[in-house]
Amino acid sequence: MKIDILKHNLVPKHEIMSNSEIKKSFKDLDYEIKNLPKIKLSDPVSKNIDAKEGDILKITRDSQTAGTFVTYRVVEK
């Protein structure tokens, strides 16, 4: 039996960003993508969404204090 970890209530929403989404999200920031926090290619969520090395993941969490909180990770080996 295989369990879909993305449906677990403690796993936030993970999405692979397109190139246009990356450009739009990072164009006004003085921040280089290579400096983003990392997520391993072997991470169960990375595997589940078929992420590839170098992909940027948008992670959206619900927060009681902040409402919705978005963070980004770059996939690495």
PDB file of N, CA and C in Angstrom:
ATOM      1  N   MET A   1       0.835  -1.176   0.000  1.00  0.00           N
ATOM      2  CA  MET A   1       0.000   0.000   0.000  1.00  0.00           C
ATOM      3  C   MET A   1       0.886   1.248   0.000  1.00  0.00           C
ATOM      4  N   LYS A   2       0.596   2.178  -0.879  1.00  0.00           N
ATOM      5  CA  LYS A   2       1.368   3.404  -0.984  1.00  0.00           C
ATOM      6  C   LYS A   2       0.551   4.563  -0.427  1.00  0.00           C
ATOM      7  N   ILE A   3       1.163   5.348   0.441  1.00  0.00           N
ATOM      8  CA  ILE A   3       0.486   6.475   1.069  1.00  0.00           C
ATOM      9  C   ILE A   3       0.900   7.760   0.352  1.00  0.00           C
ATOM     10  N   ASP A   4      -0.070   8.617   0.050  1.00  0.00           N
ATOM     11  CA  ASP A   4       0.211   9.907  -0.576  1.00  0.00           C
ATOM     12  C   ASP A   4       0.558  10.904   0.522  1.00  0.00           C
ATOM     13  N   ILE A   5       1.852  11.174   0.689  1.00  0.00           N
ATOM     14  CA  ILE A   5       2.286  12.060   1.768  1.00  0.00           C
ATOM     15  C   ILE A   5       1.809  13.489   1.575  1.00  0.00           C
ATOM     16  N   LEU A   6       1.493  13.869   0.350  1.00  0.00           N
ATOM     17  CA  LEU A   6       1.033  15.231   0.095  1.00  0.00           C
ATOM     18  C   LEU A   6      -0.339  15.502   0.701  1.00  0.00           C
ATOM     19  N   LYS A   7      -1.058  14.453   1.045  1.00  0.00           N
ATOM     20  CA  LYS A   7      -2.381  14.624   1.645  1.00  0.00           C
ATOM     21  C   LYS A   7      -2.327  14.664   3.172  1.00  0.00           C
ATOM     22  N   HIS A   8      -1.137  14.494   3.737  1.00  0.00           N
ATOM     23  CA  HIS A   8      -0.997  14.544   5.194  1.00  0.00           C
ATOM     24  C   HIS A   8      -1.140  15.993   5.656  1.00  0.00           C
ATOM     25  N   ASN A   9      -1.829  16.199   6.780  1.00  0.00           N
ATOM     26  CA  ASN A   9      -2.104  17.567   7.233  1.00  0.00           C
ATOM     27  C   ASN A   9      -0.865  18.335   7.695  1.00  0.00           C
ATOM     28  N   LEU A  10       0.242  17.671   7.931  1.00  0.00           N
ATOM     29  CA  LEU A  10       1.469  18.362   8.337  1.00  0.00           C
ATOM     30  C   LEU A  10       2.405  18.674   7.172  1.00  0.00           C
ATOM     31  N   VAL A  11       2.067  18.212   5.980  1.00  0.00           N
ATOM     32  CA  VAL A  11       2.909  18.468   4.802  1.00  0.00           C
ATOM     33  C   VAL A  11       2.311  19.639   4.031  1.00  0.00           C
ATOM     34  N   PRO A  12       3.059  20.755   3.933  1.00  0.00           N
ATOM     35  CA  PRO A  12       2.527  21.909   3.216  1.00  0.00           C
ATOM     36  C   PRO A  12       2.495  21.663   1.709  1.00  0.00           C
ATOM     37  N   LYS A  13       1.790  22.530   0.992  1.00  0.00           N
ATOM     38  CA  LYS A  13       1.679  22.426  -0.461  1.00  0.00           C
ATOM     39  C   LYS A  13       3.029  22.733  -1.108  1.00  0.00           C
ATOM     40  N   HIS A  14       3.502  21.831  -1.964  1.00  0.00           N
ATOM     41  CA  HIS A  14       4.746  21.998  -2.715  1.00  0.00           C
ATOM     42  C   HIS A  14       4.404  22.062  -4.200  1.00  0.00           C
ATOM     43  N   GLU A  15       4.955  23.049  -4.904  1.00  0.00           N
ATOM     44  CA  GLU A  15       4.733  23.183  -6.345  1.00  0.00           C
ATOM     45  C   GLU A  15       6.064  23.460  -7.040  1.00  0.00           C
ATOM     46  N   ILE A  16       6.252  22.862  -8.198  1.00  0.00           N
ATOM     47  CA  ILE A  16       7.422  23.170  -9.022  1.00  0.00           C
ATOM     48  C   ILE A  16       7.094  24.441  -9.801  1.00  0.00           C
ATOM     49  N   MET A  17       7.975  25.427  -9.711  1.00  0.00           N
ATOM     50  CA  MET A  17       7.730  26.705 -10.376  1.00  0.00           C
ATOM     51  C   MET A  17       8.200  26.655 -11.829  1.00  0.00           C
ATOM     52  N   SER A  18       7.448  27.305 -12.707  1.00  0.00           N
ATOM     53  CA  SER A  18       7.862  27.444 -14.108  1.00  0.00           C
ATOM     54  C   SER A  18       8.886  28.578 -14.198  1.00  0.00           C
ATOM     55  N   ASN A  19       9.581  28.654 -15.320  1.00  0.00           N
ATOM     56  CA  ASN A  19      10.574  29.712 -15.509  1.00  0.00           C
ATOM     57  C   ASN A  19       9.938  31.099 -15.427  1.00  0.00           C
ATOM     58  N   SER A  20       8.737  31.250 -15.976  1.00  0.00           N
ATOM     59  CA  SER A  20       8.081  32.559 -15.932  1.00  0.00           C
ATOM     60  C   SER A  20       7.690  32.921 -14.493  1.00  0.00           C
ATOM     61  N   GLU A  21       7.260  31.942 -13.708  1.00  0.00           N
ATOM     62  CA  GLU A  21       6.925  32.200 -12.302  1.00  0.00           C
ATOM     63  C   GLU A  21       8.172  32.595 -11.510  1.00  0.00           C
ATOM     64  N   ILE A  22       9.287  31.941 -11.815  1.00  0.00           N
ATOM     65  CA  ILE A  22      10.548  32.247 -11.132  1.00  0.00           C
ATOM     66  C   ILE A  22      10.972  33.683 -11.451  1.00  0.00           C
ATOM     67  N   LYS A  23      10.940  34.046 -12.723  1.00  0.00           N
ATOM     68  CA  LYS A  23      11.333  35.410 -13.117  1.00  0.00           C
ATOM     69  C   LYS A  23      10.438  36.437 -12.463  1.00  0.00           C
ATOM     70  N   LYS A  24       9.136  36.192 -12.455  1.00  0.00           N
ATOM     71  CA  LYS A  24       8.180  37.126 -11.868  1.00  0.00           C
ATOM     72  C   LYS A  24       8.380  37.252 -10.353  1.00  0.00           C
ATOM     73  N   SER A  25       8.599  36.149  -9.676  1.00  0.00           N
ATOM     74  CA  SER A  25       8.734  36.154  -8.220  1.00  0.00           C
ATOM     75  C   SER A  25      10.042  36.766  -7.736  1.00  0.00           C
ATOM     76  N   PHE A  26      11.116  36.602  -8.512  1.00  0.00           N
ATOM     77  CA  PHE A  26      12.431  37.026  -8.048  1.00  0.00           C
ATOM     78  C   PHE A  26      12.967  38.275  -8.740  1.00  0.00           C
ATOM     79  N   LYS A  27      12.203  38.868  -9.667  1.00  0.00           N
ATOM     80  CA  LYS A  27      12.730  39.995 -10.442  1.00  0.00           C
ATOM     81  C   LYS A  27      13.029  41.229  -9.602  1.00  0.00           C
ATOM     82  N   ASP A  28      12.215  41.504  -8.594  1.00  0.00           N
ATOM     83  CA  ASP A  28      12.399  42.699  -7.781  1.00  0.00           C
ATOM     84  C   ASP A  28      13.204  42.457  -6.512  1.00  0.00           C
ATOM     85  N   LEU A  29      13.685  41.239  -6.341  1.00  0.00           N
ATOM     86  CA  LEU A  29      14.436  40.910  -5.144  1.00  0.00           C
ATOM     87  C   LEU A  29      15.933  40.947  -5.407  1.00  0.00           C
ATOM     88  N   ASP A  30      16.665  41.437  -4.448  1.00  0.00           N
ATOM     89  CA  ASP A  30      18.121  41.429  -4.543  1.00  0.00           C
ATOM     90  C   ASP A  30      18.616  40.131  -3.903  1.00  0.00           C
ATOM     91  N   TYR A  31      18.277  39.031  -4.582  1.00  0.00           N
ATOM     92  CA  TYR A  31      18.531  37.705  -4.023  1.00  0.00           C
ATOM     93  C   TYR A  31      18.809  36.748  -5.159  1.00  0.00           C
ATOM     94  N   GLU A  32      19.880  35.979  -5.042  1.00  0.00           N
ATOM     95  CA  GLU A  32      20.217  35.021  -6.090  1.00  0.00           C
ATOM     96  C   GLU A  32      19.613  33.657  -5.778  1.00  0.00           C
ATOM     97  N   ILE A  33      19.110  33.000  -6.800  1.00  0.00           N
ATOM     98  CA  ILE A  33      18.463  31.705  -6.636  1.00  0.00           C
ATOM     99  C   ILE A  33      19.418  30.681  -6.018  1.00  0.00           C
ATOM    100  N   LYS A  34      20.691  30.769  -6.337  1.00  0.00           N
ATOM    101  CA  LYS A  34      21.645  29.801  -5.787  1.00  0.00           C
ATOM    102  C   LYS A  34      21.749  29.902  -4.262  1.00  0.00           C
ATOM    103  N   ASN A  35      21.288  30.998  -3.679  1.00  0.00           N
ATOM    104  CA  ASN A  35      21.342  31.184  -2.232  1.00  0.00           C
ATOM    105  C   ASN A  35      20.078  30.723  -1.514  1.00  0.00           C
ATOM    106  N   LEU A  36      19.116  30.192  -2.264  1.00  0.00           N
ATOM    107  CA  LEU A  36      17.902  29.676  -1.641  1.00  0.00           C
ATOM    108  C   LEU A  36      18.227  28.465  -0.768  1.00  0.00           C
ATOM    109  N   PRO A  37      17.406  28.229   0.257  1.00  0.00           N
ATOM    110  CA  PRO A  37      17.574  26.985   1.012  1.00  0.00           C
ATOM    111  C   PRO A  37      17.399  25.791   0.087  1.00  0.00           C
ATOM    112  N   LYS A  38      17.974  24.679   0.452  1.00  0.00           N
ATOM    113  CA  LYS A  38      17.964  23.482  -0.406  1.00  0.00           C
ATOM    114  C   LYS A  38      16.946  22.460   0.080  1.00  0.00           C
ATOM    115  N   ILE A  39      16.505  21.632  -0.860  1.00  0.00           N
ATOM    116  CA  ILE A  39      15.722  20.443  -0.550  1.00  0.00           C
ATOM    117  C   ILE A  39      16.338  19.314  -1.372  1.00  0.00           C
ATOM    118  N   LYS A  40      16.521  18.184  -0.761  1.00  0.00           N
ATOM    119  CA  LYS A  40      17.170  17.064  -1.443  1.00  0.00           C
ATOM    120  C   LYS A  40      16.270  16.444  -2.502  1.00  0.00           C
ATOM    121  N   LEU A  41      16.874  16.004  -3.575  1.00  0.00           N
ATOM    122  CA  LEU A  41      16.178  15.284  -4.632  1.00  0.00           C
ATOM    123  C   LEU A  41      15.571  14.003  -4.074  1.00  0.00           C
ATOM    124  N   SER A  42      16.203  13.453  -3.045  1.00  0.00           N
ATOM    125  CA  SER A  42      15.728  12.216  -2.427  1.00  0.00           C
ATOM    126  C   SER A  42      14.628  12.448  -1.388  1.00  0.00           C
ATOM    127  N   ASP A  43      14.288  13.698  -1.118  1.00  0.00           N
ATOM    128  CA  ASP A  43      13.220  13.999  -0.162  1.00  0.00           C
ATOM    129  C   ASP A  43      11.915  13.363  -0.660  1.00  0.00           C
ATOM    130  N   PRO A  44      11.132  12.762   0.213  1.00  0.00           N
ATOM    131  CA  PRO A  44       9.897  12.101  -0.223  1.00  0.00           C
ATOM    132  C   PRO A  44       8.947  13.010  -1.010  1.00  0.00           C
ATOM    133  N   VAL A  45       8.855  14.280  -0.627  1.00  0.00           N
ATOM    134  CA  VAL A  45       7.974  15.192  -1.369  1.00  0.00           C
ATOM    135  C   VAL A  45       8.560  15.487  -2.747  1.00  0.00           C
ATOM    136  N   SER A  46       9.866  15.708  -2.844  1.00  0.00           N
ATOM    137  CA  SER A  46      10.511  15.939  -4.144  1.00  0.00           C
ATOM    138  C   SER A  46      10.255  14.774  -5.087  1.00  0.00           C
ATOM    139  N   LYS A  47      10.398  13.572  -4.556  1.00  0.00           N
ATOM    140  CA  LYS A  47      10.138  12.381  -5.370  1.00  0.00           C
ATOM    141  C   LYS A  47       8.673  12.322  -5.810  1.00  0.00           C
ATOM    142  N   ASN A  48       7.763  12.615  -4.885  1.00  0.00           N
ATOM    143  CA  ASN A  48       6.334  12.503  -5.139  1.00  0.00           C
ATOM    144  C   ASN A  48       5.866  13.451  -6.232  1.00  0.00           C
ATOM    145  N   ILE A  49       6.451  14.651  -6.307  1.00  0.00           N
ATOM    146  CA  ILE A  49       6.027  15.616  -7.329  1.00  0.00           C
ATOM    147  C   ILE A  49       6.938  15.592  -8.559  1.00  0.00           C
ATOM    148  N   ASP A  50       7.837  14.603  -8.617  1.00  0.00           N
ATOM    149  CA  ASP A  50       8.757  14.432  -9.753  1.00  0.00           C
ATOM    150  C   ASP A  50       9.646  15.650  -9.998  1.00  0.00           C
ATOM    151  N   ALA A  51      10.167  16.223  -8.917  1.00  0.00           N
ATOM    152  CA  ALA A  51      11.081  17.354  -9.042  1.00  0.00           C
ATOM    153  C   ALA A  51      12.415  16.875  -9.607  1.00  0.00           C
ATOM    154  N   LYS A  52      13.057  17.752 -10.345  1.00  0.00           N
ATOM    155  CA  LYS A  52      14.370  17.476 -10.924  1.00  0.00           C
ATOM    156  C   LYS A  52      15.405  18.392 -10.274  1.00  0.00           C
ATOM    157  N   GLU A  53      16.666  17.991 -10.353  1.00  0.00           N
ATOM    158  CA  GLU A  53      17.739  18.822  -9.815  1.00  0.00           C
ATOM    159  C   GLU A  53      17.702  20.196 -10.480  1.00  0.00           C
ATOM    160  N   GLY A  54      17.763  21.254  -9.667  1.00  0.00           N
ATOM    161  CA  GLY A  54      17.736  22.620 -10.180  1.00  0.00           C
ATOM    162  C   GLY A  54      16.345  23.244 -10.188  1.00  0.00           C
ATOM    163  N   ASP A  55      15.294  22.439 -10.005  1.00  0.00           N
ATOM    164  CA  ASP A  55      13.936  22.985  -9.923  1.00  0.00           C
ATOM    165  C   ASP A  55      13.802  23.866  -8.681  1.00  0.00           C
ATOM    166  N   ILE A  56      12.930  24.863  -8.778  1.00  0.00           N
ATOM    167  CA  ILE A  56      12.603  25.698  -7.636  1.00  0.00           C
ATOM    168  C   ILE A  56      11.212  25.299  -7.164  1.00  0.00           C
ATOM    169  N   LEU A  57      11.101  24.985  -5.869  1.00  0.00           N
ATOM    170  CA  LEU A  57       9.815  24.608  -5.306  1.00  0.00           C
ATOM    171  C   LEU A  57       9.246  25.773  -4.511  1.00  0.00           C
ATOM    172  N   LYS A  58       7.970  26.021  -4.710  1.00  0.00           N
ATOM    173  CA  LYS A  58       7.232  27.009  -3.932  1.00  0.00           C
ATOM    174  C   LYS A  58       6.461  26.224  -2.873  1.00  0.00           C
ATOM    175  N   ILE A  59       6.714  26.547  -1.617  1.00  0.00           N
ATOM    176  CA  ILE A  59       6.084  25.832  -0.509  1.00  0.00           C
ATOM    177  C   ILE A  59       5.158  26.802   0.211  1.00  0.00           C
ATOM    178  N   THR A  60       3.881  26.461   0.249  1.00  0.00           N
ATOM    179  CA  THR A  60       2.870  27.328   0.854  1.00  0.00           C
ATOM    180  C   THR A  60       2.333  26.668   2.112  1.00  0.00           C
ATOM    181  N   ARG A  61       2.487  27.382   3.225  1.00  0.00           N
ATOM    182  CA  ARG A  61       2.030  26.880   4.516  1.00  0.00           C
ATOM    183  C   ARG A  61       0.925  27.784   5.054  1.00  0.00           C
ATOM    184  N   ASP A  62      -0.030  27.190   5.736  1.00  0.00           N
ATOM    185  CA  ASP A  62      -1.021  27.959   6.474  1.00  0.00           C
ATOM    186  C   ASP A  62      -0.466  28.202   7.861  1.00  0.00           C
ATOM    187  N   SER A  63      -0.577  29.438   8.325  1.00  0.00           N
ATOM    188  CA  SER A  63      -0.048  29.808   9.630  1.00  0.00           C
ATOM    189  C   SER A  63      -1.135  30.510  10.437  1.00  0.00           C
ATOM    190  N   GLN A  64      -1.258  30.157  11.692  1.00  0.00           N
ATOM    191  CA  GLN A  64      -2.243  30.813  12.542  1.00  0.00           C
ATOM    192  C   GLN A  64      -1.895  32.272  12.780  1.00  0.00           C
ATOM    193  N   THR A  65      -0.629  32.611  12.776  1.00  0.00           N
ATOM    194  CA  THR A  65      -0.213  33.986  13.052  1.00  0.00           C
ATOM    195  C   THR A  65       0.018  34.815  11.794  1.00  0.00           C
ATOM    196  N   ALA A  66       0.510  34.190  10.715  1.00  0.00           N
ATOM    197  CA  ALA A  66       0.851  34.930   9.509  1.00  0.00           C
ATOM    198  C   ALA A  66      -0.153  34.739   8.380  1.00  0.00           C
ATOM    199  N   GLY A  67      -1.164  33.921   8.587  1.00  0.00           N
ATOM    200  CA  GLY A  67      -2.107  33.626   7.501  1.00  0.00           C
ATOM    201  C   GLY A  67      -1.495  32.585   6.584  1.00  0.00           C
ATOM    202  N   THR A  68      -1.073  33.027   5.421  1.00  0.00           N
ATOM    203  CA  THR A  68      -0.399  32.142   4.473  1.00  0.00           C
ATOM    204  C   THR A  68       1.060  32.561   4.369  1.00  0.00           C
ATOM    205  N   PHE A  69       1.958  31.596   4.466  1.00  0.00           N
ATOM    206  CA  PHE A  69       3.395  31.856   4.407  1.00  0.00           C
ATOM    207  C   PHE A  69       3.982  31.077   3.244  1.00  0.00           C
ATOM    208  N   VAL A  70       4.702  31.765   2.360  1.00  0.00           N
ATOM    209  CA  VAL A  70       5.312  31.143   1.184  1.00  0.00           C
ATOM    210  C   VAL A  70       6.830  31.173   1.336  1.00  0.00           C
ATOM    211  N   THR A  71       7.450  30.047   1.040  1.00  0.00           N
ATOM    212  CA  THR A  71       8.898  29.949   1.052  1.00  0.00           C
ATOM    213  C   THR A  71       9.340  29.182  -0.201  1.00  0.00           C
ATOM    214  N   TYR A  72      10.601  29.259  -0.532  1.00  0.00           N
ATOM    215  CA  TYR A  72      11.115  28.634  -1.740  1.00  0.00           C
ATOM    216  C   TYR A  72      12.314  27.752  -1.413  1.00  0.00           C
ATOM    217  N   ARG A  73      12.473  26.673  -2.180  1.00  0.00           N
ATOM    218  CA  ARG A  73      13.626  25.780  -2.031  1.00  0.00           C
ATOM    219  C   ARG A  73      14.126  25.397  -3.417  1.00  0.00           C
ATOM    220  N   VAL A  74      15.429  25.207  -3.526  1.00  0.00           N
ATOM    221  CA  VAL A  74      16.007  24.709  -4.774  1.00  0.00           C
ATOM    222  C   VAL A  74      16.356  23.243  -4.554  1.00  0.00           C
ATOM    223  N   VAL A  75      16.040  22.412  -5.561  1.00  0.00           N
ATOM    224  CA  VAL A  75      16.263  20.971  -5.471  1.00  0.00           C
ATOM    225  C   VAL A  75      17.716  20.665  -5.819  1.00  0.00           C
ATOM    226  N   GLU A  76      18.373  19.898  -4.961  1.00  0.00           N
ATOM    227  CA  GLU A  76      19.760  19.485  -5.222  1.00  0.00           C
ATOM    228  C   GLU A  76      19.918  18.003  -4.922  1.00  0.00           C
ATOM    229  N   LYS A  77      21.012  17.433  -5.469  1.00  0.00           N
ATOM    230  CA  LYS A  77      21.303  16.008  -5.232  1.00  0.00           C
ATOM    231  C   LYS A  77      21.691  15.743  -3.818  1.00  0.00           C
TER     232      LYS A  77
END
